[in-house]
Amino acid sequence: MSGDDSRLSTAEDYRAFAREARGRSPAYELLAESVAADRAVLGFLQSLPKQKRQPNLLFAAARFLLGEPASIDQLRALVRHDSDGLVQVMLARRTQTNEAARCATILPALARLPEPLALIEVGASAGLTLMFDRYSYDYDGTRLNGSDPGAPVLSCALLGSVPPPVPERIPAIVWRAGLDLNPLDVGSEADVHWLSCLVWPGESDRRQRLDAAIASARRDPPAVYRGDLLTDLPALAAQAPPEATLVIYHSAVLAYVAPHERPRFADAVRSLGTVWLSNEAPGVVAGAPARLPAEPEHEGAFLLLQDGRTPLGFTDGHGIWLQWMEGPCR
């Protein structure tokens, strides 16, 4: 692979994913390491557009076809004998994890804002992270009850020395909408199956949470509209009730937007005069401060920002912990 920088870059992406999966999904840690060293699978990935080479997408697509998480041997066999089928799924689908537990890491930021709230989530997938007020929460023993007893309880560990502003109650939400290039329908068995394929093997709690969140969404589906965050956001924002505080937010979305387009998105959101909450990997949000008031306690942490400039905390990518750090940047 020494003569192919693109293949080397793809291999490093899979090694990075293996590090992320360490301690969470041994099967995917091993599979990602194996892909990073496998010429046949890396060669297959080189035939795809760069944005379609992600580990989550490949592994979920293989699971979608196989009905179970793939081993490296099964993945090689798919590449060898059904590459057309694998390509078809990977081109048609997107990495739309829609992990409901991310609500627990964003809720403290929402609860500090003037009520009532109106919400727009960009990259909303099936809308499961639009339902803040339906879920219940457990912050290291502090319990908040949501409106749907059948919805999951989202447990979130609190890290660091700065106590997060955990609210006494869930704020009032009077309007909500999602925007996505390819919205998923909780009433579609194929879309629900795809969401289940995005759950990593070994994380049974995530699968249980997903099933309960989907059941809640089916009882009263949130509105998710097809559209591009770069062009269609202003029209959707104009539909929000003027008496509410409009919050535009996203989690693990901008990494899939081309780097040269991210400043355009940041400018567009700021021009709307709304509250902007981003929950992304450090360095992804254009204009974010390069120096922060604290360091994350865990590798691979997301950075929770308000309005693209004010750091609020570090979060786990799947919502299982929050490390608040609000303060001046160093």
C-alpha atoms as a PDB file:
ATOM      1  CA  MET A   1       0.000   0.000   0.000  1.00  0.00           C
ATOM      2  CA  SER A   2       3.024   2.277   0.117  1.00  0.00           C
ATOM      3  CA  GLY A   3       2.255   3.808  -3.269  1.00  0.00           C
ATOM      4  CA  ASP A   4      -1.392   4.600  -2.541  1.00  0.00           C
ATOM      5  CA  ASP A   5      -1.850   7.510  -0.141  1.00  0.00           C
ATOM      6  CA  SER A   6      -5.639   7.293  -0.391  1.00  0.00           C
ATOM      7  CA  ARG A   7      -5.604   3.665   0.679  1.00  0.00           C
ATOM      8  CA  LEU A   8      -3.261   4.478   3.530  1.00  0.00           C
ATOM      9  CA  SER A   9      -5.636   7.245   4.634  1.00  0.00           C
ATOM     10  CA  THR A  10      -8.572   4.847   4.569  1.00  0.00           C
ATOM     11  CA  ALA A  11      -6.617   2.300   6.591  1.00  0.00           C
ATOM     12  CA  GLU A  12      -5.855   4.945   9.217  1.00  0.00           C
ATOM     13  CA  ASP A  13      -9.545   5.850   9.405  1.00  0.00           C
ATOM     14  CA  TYR A  14     -10.284   2.228  10.269  1.00  0.00           C
ATOM     15  CA  ARG A  15      -7.509   2.109  12.859  1.00  0.00           C
ATOM     16  CA  ALA A  16      -8.977   5.252  14.445  1.00  0.00           C
ATOM     17  CA  PHE A  17     -12.392   3.588  14.499  1.00  0.00           C
ATOM     18  CA  ALA A  18     -10.834   0.543  16.184  1.00  0.00           C
ATOM     19  CA  ARG A  19      -9.522   2.810  18.940  1.00  0.00           C
ATOM     20  CA  GLU A  20     -12.986   4.346  19.322  1.00  0.00           C
ATOM     21  CA  ALA A  21     -14.579   0.894  19.577  1.00  0.00           C
ATOM     22  CA  ARG A  22     -12.054  -0.327  22.176  1.00  0.00           C
ATOM     23  CA  GLY A  23     -13.822  -1.250  25.380  1.00  0.00           C
ATOM     24  CA  ARG A  24     -17.247  -0.886  23.751  1.00  0.00           C
ATOM     25  CA  SER A  25     -17.401  -3.350  20.892  1.00  0.00           C
ATOM     26  CA  PRO A  26     -14.587  -5.923  20.757  1.00  0.00           C
ATOM     27  CA  ALA A  27     -16.059  -7.347  17.553  1.00  0.00           C
ATOM     28  CA  TYR A  28     -15.847  -4.005  15.751  1.00  0.00           C
ATOM     29  CA  GLU A  29     -12.442  -3.194  17.204  1.00  0.00           C
ATOM     30  CA  LEU A  30     -11.109  -6.436  15.716  1.00  0.00           C
ATOM     31  CA  LEU A  31     -12.990  -5.979  12.436  1.00  0.00           C
ATOM     32  CA  ALA A  32     -11.733  -2.423  11.939  1.00  0.00           C
ATOM     33  CA  GLU A  33      -8.132  -3.467  12.636  1.00  0.00           C
ATOM     34  CA  SER A  34      -8.530  -6.343  10.186  1.00  0.00           C
ATOM     35  CA  VAL A  35      -9.922  -4.085   7.453  1.00  0.00           C
ATOM     36  CA  ALA A  36      -7.027  -1.660   7.941  1.00  0.00           C
ATOM     37  CA  ALA A  37      -4.630  -4.496   7.028  1.00  0.00           C
ATOM     38  CA  ASP A  38      -6.711  -6.136   4.288  1.00  0.00           C
ATOM     39  CA  ARG A  39      -5.781  -5.215   0.714  1.00  0.00           C
ATOM     40  CA  ALA A  40      -8.943  -6.665  -0.813  1.00  0.00           C
ATOM     41  CA  VAL A  41     -11.390  -4.777   1.398  1.00  0.00           C
ATOM     42  CA  LEU A  42      -9.347  -1.567   1.204  1.00  0.00           C
ATOM     43  CA  GLY A  43      -9.300  -1.932  -2.578  1.00  0.00           C
ATOM     44  CA  PHE A  44     -13.083  -2.269  -2.570  1.00  0.00           C
ATOM     45  CA  LEU A  45     -13.410   0.873  -0.459  1.00  0.00           C
ATOM     46  CA  GLN A  46     -11.226   2.797  -2.939  1.00  0.00           C
ATOM     47  CA  SER A  47     -13.905   2.194  -5.597  1.00  0.00           C
ATOM     48  CA  LEU A  48     -16.392   4.238  -3.539  1.00  0.00           C
ATOM     49  CA  PRO A  49     -16.647   8.016  -3.131  1.00  0.00           C
ATOM     50  CA  LYS A  50     -14.540   9.147  -0.192  1.00  0.00           C
ATOM     51  CA  GLN A  51     -17.577  10.052   1.915  1.00  0.00           C
ATOM     52  CA  LYS A  52     -18.874   6.482   1.511  1.00  0.00           C
ATOM     53  CA  ARG A  53     -15.811   4.709   2.941  1.00  0.00           C
ATOM     54  CA  GLN A  54     -16.661   5.191   6.620  1.00  0.00           C
ATOM     55  CA  PRO A  55     -16.343   2.170   8.937  1.00  0.00           C
ATOM     56  CA  ASN A  56     -19.843   2.632  10.393  1.00  0.00           C
ATOM     57  CA  LEU A  57     -21.353   2.637   6.917  1.00  0.00           C
ATOM     58  CA  LEU A  58     -19.439  -0.418   5.683  1.00  0.00           C
ATOM     59  CA  PHE A  59     -20.126  -2.483   8.799  1.00  0.00           C
ATOM     60  CA  ALA A  60     -23.809  -1.527   8.911  1.00  0.00           C
ATOM     61  CA  ALA A  61     -24.262  -2.296   5.211  1.00  0.00           C
ATOM     62  CA  ALA A  62     -22.657  -5.715   5.645  1.00  0.00           C
ATOM     63  CA  ARG A  63     -24.911  -6.399   8.621  1.00  0.00           C
ATOM     64  CA  PHE A  64     -27.934  -5.231   6.597  1.00  0.00           C
ATOM     65  CA  LEU A  65     -27.140  -7.865   3.953  1.00  0.00           C
ATOM     66  CA  LEU A  66     -25.975 -10.670   6.238  1.00  0.00           C
ATOM     67  CA  GLY A  67     -28.509 -10.291   9.047  1.00  0.00           C
ATOM     68  CA  GLU A  68     -25.670 -10.324  11.601  1.00  0.00           C
ATOM     69  CA  PRO A  69     -22.455  -8.408  12.313  1.00  0.00           C
ATOM     70  CA  ALA A  70     -19.779  -9.405   9.820  1.00  0.00           C
ATOM     71  CA  SER A  71     -16.479 -11.075  10.556  1.00  0.00           C
ATOM     72  CA  ILE A  72     -13.498 -10.213   8.368  1.00  0.00           C
ATOM     73  CA  ASP A  73     -13.991 -13.483   6.465  1.00  0.00           C
ATOM     74  CA  GLN A  74     -17.649 -12.667   5.810  1.00  0.00           C
ATOM     75  CA  LEU A  75     -16.708  -9.157   4.737  1.00  0.00           C
ATOM     76  CA  ARG A  76     -14.092 -10.496   2.304  1.00  0.00           C
ATOM     77  CA  ALA A  77     -16.701 -12.896   0.902  1.00  0.00           C
ATOM     78  CA  LEU A  78     -19.176 -10.053   0.378  1.00  0.00           C
ATOM     79  CA  VAL A  79     -16.532  -8.010  -1.402  1.00  0.00           C
ATOM     80  CA  ARG A  80     -15.607 -10.984  -3.569  1.00  0.00           C
ATOM     81  CA  HIS A  81     -19.058 -12.394  -4.358  1.00  0.00           C
ATOM     82  CA  ASP A  82     -21.612  -9.612  -3.808  1.00  0.00           C
ATOM     83  CA  SER A  83     -19.749  -6.354  -4.194  1.00  0.00           C
ATOM     84  CA  ASP A  84     -22.586  -4.927  -6.297  1.00  0.00           C
ATOM     85  CA  GLY A  85     -25.083  -5.554  -3.509  1.00  0.00           C
ATOM     86  CA  LEU A  86     -22.759  -4.053  -0.917  1.00  0.00           C
ATOM     87  CA  VAL A  87     -22.128  -0.981  -3.083  1.00  0.00           C
ATOM     88  CA  GLN A  88     -25.858  -0.541  -3.625  1.00  0.00           C
ATOM     89  CA  VAL A  89     -26.577  -0.427   0.100  1.00  0.00           C
ATOM     90  CA  MET A  90     -23.624   1.854   0.859  1.00  0.00           C
ATOM     91  CA  LEU A  91     -24.562   4.342  -1.850  1.00  0.00           C
ATOM     92  CA  ALA A  92     -28.252   4.357  -0.911  1.00  0.00           C
ATOM     93  CA  ARG A  93     -27.783   4.626   2.858  1.00  0.00           C
ATOM     94  CA  ARG A  94     -26.067   7.048   5.211  1.00  0.00           C
ATOM     95  CA  THR A  95     -24.547   6.854   8.676  1.00  0.00           C
ATOM     96  CA  GLN A  96     -27.612   8.007  10.624  1.00  0.00           C
ATOM     97  CA  THR A  97     -27.057   6.535  14.061  1.00  0.00           C
ATOM     98  CA  ASN A  98     -29.763   8.631  15.768  1.00  0.00           C
ATOM     99  CA  GLU A  99     -28.608   7.721  19.291  1.00  0.00           C
ATOM    100  CA  ALA A 100     -31.299   8.952  21.681  1.00  0.00           C
ATOM    101  CA  ALA A 101     -28.823   9.109  24.592  1.00  0.00           C
ATOM    102  CA  ARG A 102     -27.208  12.191  23.040  1.00  0.00           C
ATOM    103  CA  CYS A 103     -30.247  14.096  24.333  1.00  0.00           C
ATOM    104  CA  ALA A 104     -28.874  13.666  27.858  1.00  0.00           C
ATOM    105  CA  THR A 105     -25.673  15.541  27.004  1.00  0.00           C
ATOM    106  CA  ILE A 106     -27.470  18.411  25.244  1.00  0.00           C
ATOM    107  CA  LEU A 107     -30.377  18.836  27.698  1.00  0.00           C
ATOM    108  CA  PRO A 108     -28.422  20.880  30.312  1.00  0.00           C
ATOM    109  CA  ALA A 109     -27.547  23.414  27.593  1.00  0.00           C
ATOM    110  CA  LEU A 110     -31.176  23.613  26.473  1.00  0.00           C
ATOM    111  CA  ALA A 111     -32.468  24.028  30.010  1.00  0.00           C
ATOM    112  CA  ARG A 112     -30.515  27.279  30.502  1.00  0.00           C
ATOM    113  CA  LEU A 113     -32.397  29.022  27.684  1.00  0.00           C
ATOM    114  CA  PRO A 114     -35.578  31.128  27.961  1.00  0.00           C
ATOM    115  CA  GLU A 115     -38.711  29.042  27.590  1.00  0.00           C
ATOM    116  CA  PRO A 116     -40.653  27.971  25.678  1.00  0.00           C
ATOM    117  CA  LEU A 117     -38.288  26.368  23.179  1.00  0.00           C
ATOM    118  CA  ALA A 118     -38.597  25.604  19.486  1.00  0.00           C
ATOM    119  CA  LEU A 119     -36.136  23.046  18.120  1.00  0.00           C
ATOM    120  CA  ILE A 120     -34.611  22.365  14.727  1.00  0.00           C
ATOM    121  CA  GLU A 121     -32.195  19.465  14.451  1.00  0.00           C
ATOM    122  CA  VAL A 122     -30.087  19.277  11.322  1.00  0.00           C
ATOM    123  CA  GLY A 123     -29.130  15.755  10.354  1.00  0.00           C
ATOM    124  CA  ALA A 124     -32.168  14.499  12.272  1.00  0.00           C
ATOM    125  CA  SER A 125     -32.349  10.992  10.763  1.00  0.00           C
ATOM    126  CA  ALA A 126     -35.623   9.539  12.138  1.00  0.00           C
ATOM    127  CA  GLY A 127     -36.099  12.329  14.681  1.00  0.00           C
ATOM    128  CA  LEU A 128     -35.273  10.318  17.799  1.00  0.00           C
ATOM    129  CA  THR A 129     -33.095  13.127  19.176  1.00  0.00           C
ATOM    130  CA  LEU A 130     -35.892  15.661  18.776  1.00  0.00           C
ATOM    131  CA  MET A 131     -37.871  14.084  21.626  1.00  0.00           C
ATOM    132  CA  PHE A 132     -36.115  15.581  24.676  1.00  0.00           C
ATOM    133  CA  ASP A 133     -39.311  15.938  26.677  1.00  0.00           C
ATOM    134  CA  ARG A 134     -40.522  12.380  26.109  1.00  0.00           C
ATOM    135  CA  TYR A 135     -37.446  10.712  27.591  1.00  0.00           C
ATOM    136  CA  SER A 136     -36.606  10.365  31.266  1.00  0.00           C
ATOM    137  CA  TYR A 137     -33.078  11.057  32.518  1.00  0.00           C
ATOM    138  CA  ASP A 138     -30.767   9.800  35.232  1.00  0.00           C
ATOM    139  CA  TYR A 139     -27.739  11.996  35.963  1.00  0.00           C
ATOM    140  CA  ASP A 140     -25.799  10.027  38.571  1.00  0.00           C
ATOM    141  CA  GLY A 141     -28.976   9.509  40.580  1.00  0.00           C
ATOM    142  CA  THR A 142     -30.727  12.788  39.791  1.00  0.00           C
ATOM    143  CA  ARG A 143     -33.879  11.726  37.980  1.00  0.00           C
ATOM    144  CA  LEU A 144     -36.042  13.743  35.566  1.00  0.00           C
ATOM    145  CA  ASN A 145     -39.262  12.235  34.258  1.00  0.00           C
ATOM    146  CA  GLY A 146     -40.389  12.725  30.677  1.00  0.00           C
ATOM    147  CA  SER A 147     -43.894  12.703  29.261  1.00  0.00           C
ATOM    148  CA  ASP A 148     -43.805   9.159  27.819  1.00  0.00           C
ATOM    149  CA  PRO A 149     -43.542   6.397  30.460  1.00  0.00           C
ATOM    150  CA  GLY A 150     -42.677   3.926  27.715  1.00  0.00           C
ATOM    151  CA  ALA A 151     -39.734   5.951  26.403  1.00  0.00           C
ATOM    152  CA  PRO A 152     -36.240   4.978  27.553  1.00  0.00           C
ATOM    153  CA  VAL A 153     -34.483   6.358  30.619  1.00  0.00           C
ATOM    154  CA  LEU A 154     -31.258   8.011  29.457  1.00  0.00           C
ATOM    155  CA  SER A 155     -28.477   7.513  31.999  1.00  0.00           C
ATOM    156  CA  CYS A 156     -25.590   9.966  31.825  1.00  0.00           C
ATOM    157  CA  ALA A 157     -22.506   9.981  34.060  1.00  0.00           C
ATOM    158  CA  LEU A 158     -21.189  13.387  35.144  1.00  0.00           C
ATOM    159  CA  LEU A 159     -17.427  13.844  34.921  1.00  0.00           C
ATOM    160  CA  GLY A 160     -14.994  16.606  35.805  1.00  0.00           C
ATOM    161  CA  SER A 161     -14.848  19.216  38.549  1.00  0.00           C
ATOM    162  CA  VAL A 162     -17.446  21.664  37.179  1.00  0.00           C
ATOM    163  CA  PRO A 163     -21.012  20.594  38.053  1.00  0.00           C
ATOM    164  CA  PRO A 164     -23.215  20.635  34.953  1.00  0.00           C
ATOM    165  CA  PRO A 165     -26.429  22.694  35.195  1.00  0.00           C
ATOM    166  CA  VAL A 166     -28.693  19.657  35.460  1.00  0.00           C
ATOM    167  CA  PRO A 167     -32.237  21.077  35.424  1.00  0.00           C
ATOM    168  CA  GLU A 168     -34.938  20.319  37.968  1.00  0.00           C
ATOM    169  CA  ARG A 169     -37.381  19.699  35.143  1.00  0.00           C
ATOM    170  CA  ILE A 170     -37.379  19.294  31.390  1.00  0.00           C
ATOM    171  CA  PRO A 171     -37.955  22.644  29.631  1.00  0.00           C
ATOM    172  CA  ALA A 172     -41.173  23.298  27.714  1.00  0.00           C
ATOM    173  CA  ILE A 173     -40.872  22.547  24.002  1.00  0.00           C
ATOM    174  CA  VAL A 174     -43.695  23.948  21.873  1.00  0.00           C
ATOM    175  CA  TRP A 175     -42.424  23.187  18.367  1.00  0.00           C
ATOM    176  CA  ARG A 176     -39.867  20.879  16.794  1.00  0.00           C
ATOM    177  CA  ALA A 177     -38.701  19.876  13.340  1.00  0.00           C
ATOM    178  CA  GLY A 178     -35.843  17.984  11.781  1.00  0.00           C
ATOM    179  CA  LEU A 179     -33.944  18.476   8.527  1.00  0.00           C
ATOM    180  CA  ASP A 180     -32.124  15.659   6.770  1.00  0.00           C
ATOM    181  CA  LEU A 181     -30.895  14.819   3.293  1.00  0.00           C
ATOM    182  CA  ASN A 182     -32.513  11.405   3.632  1.00  0.00           C
ATOM    183  CA  PRO A 183     -35.069  11.290   6.466  1.00  0.00           C
ATOM    184  CA  LEU A 184     -35.782   7.899   7.955  1.00  0.00           C
ATOM    185  CA  ASP A 185     -39.343   6.805   8.682  1.00  0.00           C
ATOM    186  CA  VAL A 186     -40.002   5.074  12.013  1.00  0.00           C
ATOM    187  CA  GLY A 187     -42.990   3.434  10.305  1.00  0.00           C
ATOM    188  CA  SER A 188     -40.742   1.781   7.700  1.00  0.00           C
ATOM    189  CA  GLU A 189     -39.428  -1.655   8.643  1.00  0.00           C
ATOM    190  CA  ALA A 190     -36.496  -1.216   6.240  1.00  0.00           C
ATOM    191  CA  ASP A 191     -35.506   2.102   7.838  1.00  0.00           C
ATOM    192  CA  VAL A 192     -35.881   0.698  11.343  1.00  0.00           C
ATOM    193  CA  HIS A 193     -33.772  -2.304  10.326  1.00  0.00           C
ATOM    194  CA  TRP A 194     -31.097   0.081   9.040  1.00  0.00           C
ATOM    195  CA  LEU A 195     -31.050   1.949  12.350  1.00  0.00           C
ATOM    196  CA  SER A 196     -30.615  -1.353  14.192  1.00  0.00           C
ATOM    197  CA  CYS A 197     -27.706  -2.265  11.900  1.00  0.00           C
ATOM    198  CA  LEU A 198     -25.902   0.922  12.987  1.00  0.00           C
ATOM    199  CA  VAL A 199     -25.794  -0.263  16.622  1.00  0.00           C
ATOM    200  CA  TRP A 200     -22.425  -1.796  17.429  1.00  0.00           C
ATOM    201  CA  PRO A 201     -22.372  -5.471  18.457  1.00  0.00           C
ATOM    202  CA  GLY A 202     -21.807  -5.862  22.179  1.00  0.00           C
ATOM    203  CA  GLU A 203     -23.788  -2.730  23.056  1.00  0.00           C
ATOM    204  CA  SER A 204     -27.106  -4.328  23.977  1.00  0.00           C
ATOM    205  CA  ASP A 205     -28.095  -1.261  26.006  1.00  0.00           C
ATOM    206  CA  ARG A 206     -28.004   0.840  22.842  1.00  0.00           C
ATOM    207  CA  ARG A 207     -30.254  -1.622  21.031  1.00  0.00           C
ATOM    208  CA  GLN A 208     -32.782  -1.626  23.885  1.00  0.00           C
ATOM    209  CA  ARG A 209     -32.703   2.183  23.952  1.00  0.00           C
ATOM    210  CA  LEU A 210     -33.210   2.339  20.192  1.00  0.00           C
ATOM    211  CA  ASP A 211     -36.194  -0.030  20.289  1.00  0.00           C
ATOM    212  CA  ALA A 212     -37.864   1.962  23.070  1.00  0.00           C
ATOM    213  CA  ALA A 213     -37.179   5.304  21.357  1.00  0.00           C
ATOM    214  CA  ILE A 214     -38.618   4.032  18.066  1.00  0.00           C
ATOM    215  CA  ALA A 215     -41.730   2.787  19.872  1.00  0.00           C
ATOM    216  CA  SER A 216     -42.173   6.249  21.412  1.00  0.00           C
ATOM    217  CA  ALA A 217     -41.634   7.973  18.067  1.00  0.00           C
ATOM    218  CA  ARG A 218     -44.207   5.737  16.415  1.00  0.00           C
ATOM    219  CA  ARG A 219     -46.808   6.867  18.932  1.00  0.00           C
ATOM    220  CA  ASP A 220     -46.313  10.490  17.841  1.00  0.00           C
ATOM    221  CA  PRO A 221     -43.730  10.856  15.038  1.00  0.00           C
ATOM    222  CA  PRO A 222     -41.725  14.100  15.055  1.00  0.00           C
ATOM    223  CA  ALA A 223     -41.687  16.009  11.770  1.00  0.00           C
ATOM    224  CA  VAL A 224     -38.476  15.478   9.781  1.00  0.00           C
ATOM    225  CA  TYR A 225     -38.230  17.235   6.415  1.00  0.00           C
ATOM    226  CA  ARG A 226     -36.044  16.350   3.458  1.00  0.00           C
ATOM    227  CA  GLY A 227     -33.562  19.119   2.808  1.00  0.00           C
ATOM    228  CA  ASP A 228     -29.964  20.329   2.767  1.00  0.00           C
ATOM    229  CA  LEU A 229     -28.602  22.080   5.857  1.00  0.00           C
ATOM    230  CA  LEU A 230     -26.659  24.445   3.607  1.00  0.00           C
ATOM    231  CA  THR A 231     -29.667  25.739   1.667  1.00  0.00           C
ATOM    232  CA  ASP A 232     -32.959  24.776   3.298  1.00  0.00           C
ATOM    233  CA  LEU A 233     -32.450  25.777   6.922  1.00  0.00           C
ATOM    234  CA  PRO A 234     -33.707  29.392   6.689  1.00  0.00           C
ATOM    235  CA  ALA A 235     -37.082  28.355   5.250  1.00  0.00           C
ATOM    236  CA  LEU A 236     -37.605  25.830   8.024  1.00  0.00           C
ATOM    237  CA  ALA A 237     -36.501  28.294  10.709  1.00  0.00           C
ATOM    238  CA  ALA A 238     -39.108  30.753   9.438  1.00  0.00           C
ATOM    239  CA  GLN A 239     -41.844  28.271  10.417  1.00  0.00           C
ATOM    240  CA  ALA A 240     -40.930  28.320  14.125  1.00  0.00           C
ATOM    241  CA  PRO A 241     -43.319  30.210  16.425  1.00  0.00           C
ATOM    242  CA  PRO A 242     -41.917  33.697  17.053  1.00  0.00           C
ATOM    243  CA  GLU A 243     -42.713  33.628  20.787  1.00  0.00           C
ATOM    244  CA  ALA A 244     -40.348  30.683  21.352  1.00  0.00           C
ATOM    245  CA  THR A 245     -36.560  30.577  21.673  1.00  0.00           C
ATOM    246  CA  LEU A 246     -35.439  28.848  18.498  1.00  0.00           C
ATOM    247  CA  VAL A 247     -32.545  26.421  18.977  1.00  0.00           C
ATOM    248  CA  ILE A 248     -30.737  24.908  16.007  1.00  0.00           C
ATOM    249  CA  TYR A 249     -28.589  21.958  17.000  1.00  0.00           C
ATOM    250  CA  HIS A 250     -26.788  18.924  15.626  1.00  0.00           C
ATOM    251  CA  SER A 251     -24.669  16.020  16.826  1.00  0.00           C
ATOM    252  CA  ALA A 252     -22.104  14.068  14.775  1.00  0.00           C
ATOM    253  CA  VAL A 253     -23.302  15.703  11.550  1.00  0.00           C
ATOM    254  CA  LEU A 254     -20.750  18.254  10.336  1.00  0.00           C
ATOM    255  CA  ALA A 255     -18.037  15.627   9.954  1.00  0.00           C
ATOM    256  CA  TYR A 256     -20.010  14.470   6.902  1.00  0.00           C
ATOM    257  CA  VAL A 257     -20.090  17.973   5.420  1.00  0.00           C
ATOM    258  CA  ALA A 258     -17.154  18.902   3.179  1.00  0.00           C
ATOM    259  CA  PRO A 259     -14.621  20.975   5.167  1.00  0.00           C
ATOM    260  CA  HIS A 260     -14.820  23.906   2.750  1.00  0.00           C
ATOM    261  CA  GLU A 261     -18.624  24.039   3.247  1.00  0.00           C
ATOM    262  CA  ARG A 262     -18.540  24.145   7.054  1.00  0.00           C
ATOM    263  CA  PRO A 263     -17.786  27.894   7.310  1.00  0.00           C
ATOM    264  CA  ARG A 264     -20.760  28.512   5.011  1.00  0.00           C
ATOM    265  CA  PHE A 265     -22.999  26.559   7.370  1.00  0.00           C
ATOM    266  CA  ALA A 266     -21.663  28.413  10.409  1.00  0.00           C
ATOM    267  CA  ASP A 267     -22.290  31.766   8.741  1.00  0.00           C
ATOM    268  CA  ALA A 268     -25.811  30.707   7.728  1.00  0.00           C
ATOM    269  CA  VAL A 269     -26.770  29.619  11.257  1.00  0.00           C
ATOM    270  CA  ARG A 270     -25.342  32.757  12.856  1.00  0.00           C
ATOM    271  CA  SER A 271     -27.227  34.941  10.358  1.00  0.00           C
ATOM    272  CA  LEU A 272     -30.540  33.517  11.588  1.00  0.00           C
ATOM    273  CA  GLY A 273     -30.076  35.026  15.051  1.00  0.00           C
ATOM    274  CA  THR A 274     -31.015  31.802  16.837  1.00  0.00           C
ATOM    275  CA  VAL A 275     -29.292  29.796  19.545  1.00  0.00           C
ATOM    276  CA  TRP A 276     -26.885  27.300  17.961  1.00  0.00           C
ATOM    277  CA  LEU A 277     -25.763  24.177  19.828  1.00  0.00           C
ATOM    278  CA  SER A 278     -23.215  21.894  18.176  1.00  0.00           C
ATOM    279  CA  ASN A 279     -22.048  18.544  19.507  1.00  0.00           C
ATOM    280  CA  GLU A 280     -19.219  17.495  17.225  1.00  0.00           C
ATOM    281  CA  ALA A 281     -15.636  16.274  17.274  1.00  0.00           C
ATOM    282  CA  PRO A 282     -13.161  19.051  18.161  1.00  0.00           C
ATOM    283  CA  GLY A 283     -12.001  20.975  15.112  1.00  0.00           C
ATOM    284  CA  VAL A 284     -15.106  20.279  13.044  1.00  0.00           C
ATOM    285  CA  VAL A 285     -17.045  23.497  13.738  1.00  0.00           C
ATOM    286  CA  ALA A 286     -15.668  26.423  11.765  1.00  0.00           C
ATOM    287  CA  GLY A 287     -14.593  29.315  13.958  1.00  0.00           C
ATOM    288  CA  ALA A 288     -14.571  27.334  17.205  1.00  0.00           C
ATOM    289  CA  PRO A 289     -11.901  28.325  19.741  1.00  0.00           C
ATOM    290  CA  ALA A 290      -8.644  26.435  19.316  1.00  0.00           C
ATOM    291  CA  ARG A 291      -7.820  26.600  23.050  1.00  0.00           C
ATOM    292  CA  LEU A 292     -10.270  25.350  25.641  1.00  0.00           C
ATOM    293  CA  PRO A 293     -10.609  25.831  29.427  1.00  0.00           C
ATOM    294  CA  ALA A 294     -10.158  22.098  30.120  1.00  0.00           C
ATOM    295  CA  GLU A 295      -9.045  18.802  28.648  1.00  0.00           C
ATOM    296  CA  PRO A 296     -11.399  15.847  28.098  1.00  0.00           C
ATOM    297  CA  GLU A 297     -11.086  12.959  30.509  1.00  0.00           C
ATOM    298  CA  HIS A 298     -11.624  10.438  27.699  1.00  0.00           C
ATOM    299  CA  GLU A 299     -10.132  10.082  24.234  1.00  0.00           C
ATOM    300  CA  GLY A 300     -12.469  10.718  21.328  1.00  0.00           C
ATOM    301  CA  ALA A 301     -14.714  13.179  23.178  1.00  0.00           C
ATOM    302  CA  PHE A 302     -17.109  15.468  21.345  1.00  0.00           C
ATOM    303  CA  LEU A 303     -17.120  19.208  22.048  1.00  0.00           C
ATOM    304  CA  LEU A 304     -20.417  20.873  22.995  1.00  0.00           C
ATOM    305  CA  LEU A 305     -20.446  24.503  21.825  1.00  0.00           C
ATOM    306  CA  GLN A 306     -22.969  27.322  21.960  1.00  0.00           C
ATOM    307  CA  ASP A 307     -23.108  29.615  18.930  1.00  0.00           C
ATOM    308  CA  GLY A 308     -19.925  28.040  17.602  1.00  0.00           C
ATOM    309  CA  ARG A 309     -17.726  30.006  19.999  1.00  0.00           C
ATOM    310  CA  THR A 310     -18.576  29.249  23.635  1.00  0.00           C
ATOM    311  CA  PRO A 311     -17.393  25.839  24.880  1.00  0.00           C
ATOM    312  CA  LEU A 312     -19.850  24.248  27.292  1.00  0.00           C
ATOM    313  CA  GLY A 313     -18.490  20.765  27.792  1.00  0.00           C
ATOM    314  CA  PHE A 314     -17.086  17.536  26.446  1.00  0.00           C
ATOM    315  CA  THR A 315     -19.487  14.720  25.702  1.00  0.00           C
ATOM    316  CA  ASP A 316     -19.370  11.059  24.889  1.00  0.00           C
ATOM    317  CA  GLY A 317     -20.243  10.443  21.234  1.00  0.00           C
ATOM    318  CA  HIS A 318     -23.028   8.070  22.256  1.00  0.00           C
ATOM    319  CA  GLY A 319     -24.265  10.182  25.155  1.00  0.00           C
ATOM    320  CA  ILE A 320     -23.174   8.109  28.137  1.00  0.00           C
ATOM    321  CA  TRP A 321     -21.190  10.851  29.920  1.00  0.00           C
ATOM    322  CA  LEU A 322     -20.934  14.627  30.123  1.00  0.00           C
ATOM    323  CA  GLN A 323     -17.971  16.677  31.320  1.00  0.00           C
ATOM    324  CA  TRP A 324     -19.051  20.291  31.832  1.00  0.00           C
ATOM    325  CA  MET A 325     -16.311  22.891  31.469  1.00  0.00           C
ATOM    326  CA  GLU A 326     -17.957  26.241  30.843  1.00  0.00           C
ATOM    327  CA  GLY A 327     -15.467  29.017  31.335  1.00  0.00           C
ATOM    328  CA  PRO A 328     -13.149  31.367  29.447  1.00  0.00           C
ATOM    329  CA  CYS A 329     -10.895  29.811  26.833  1.00  0.00           C
ATOM    330  CA  ARG A 330      -7.229  29.603  27.672  1.00  0.00           C
END
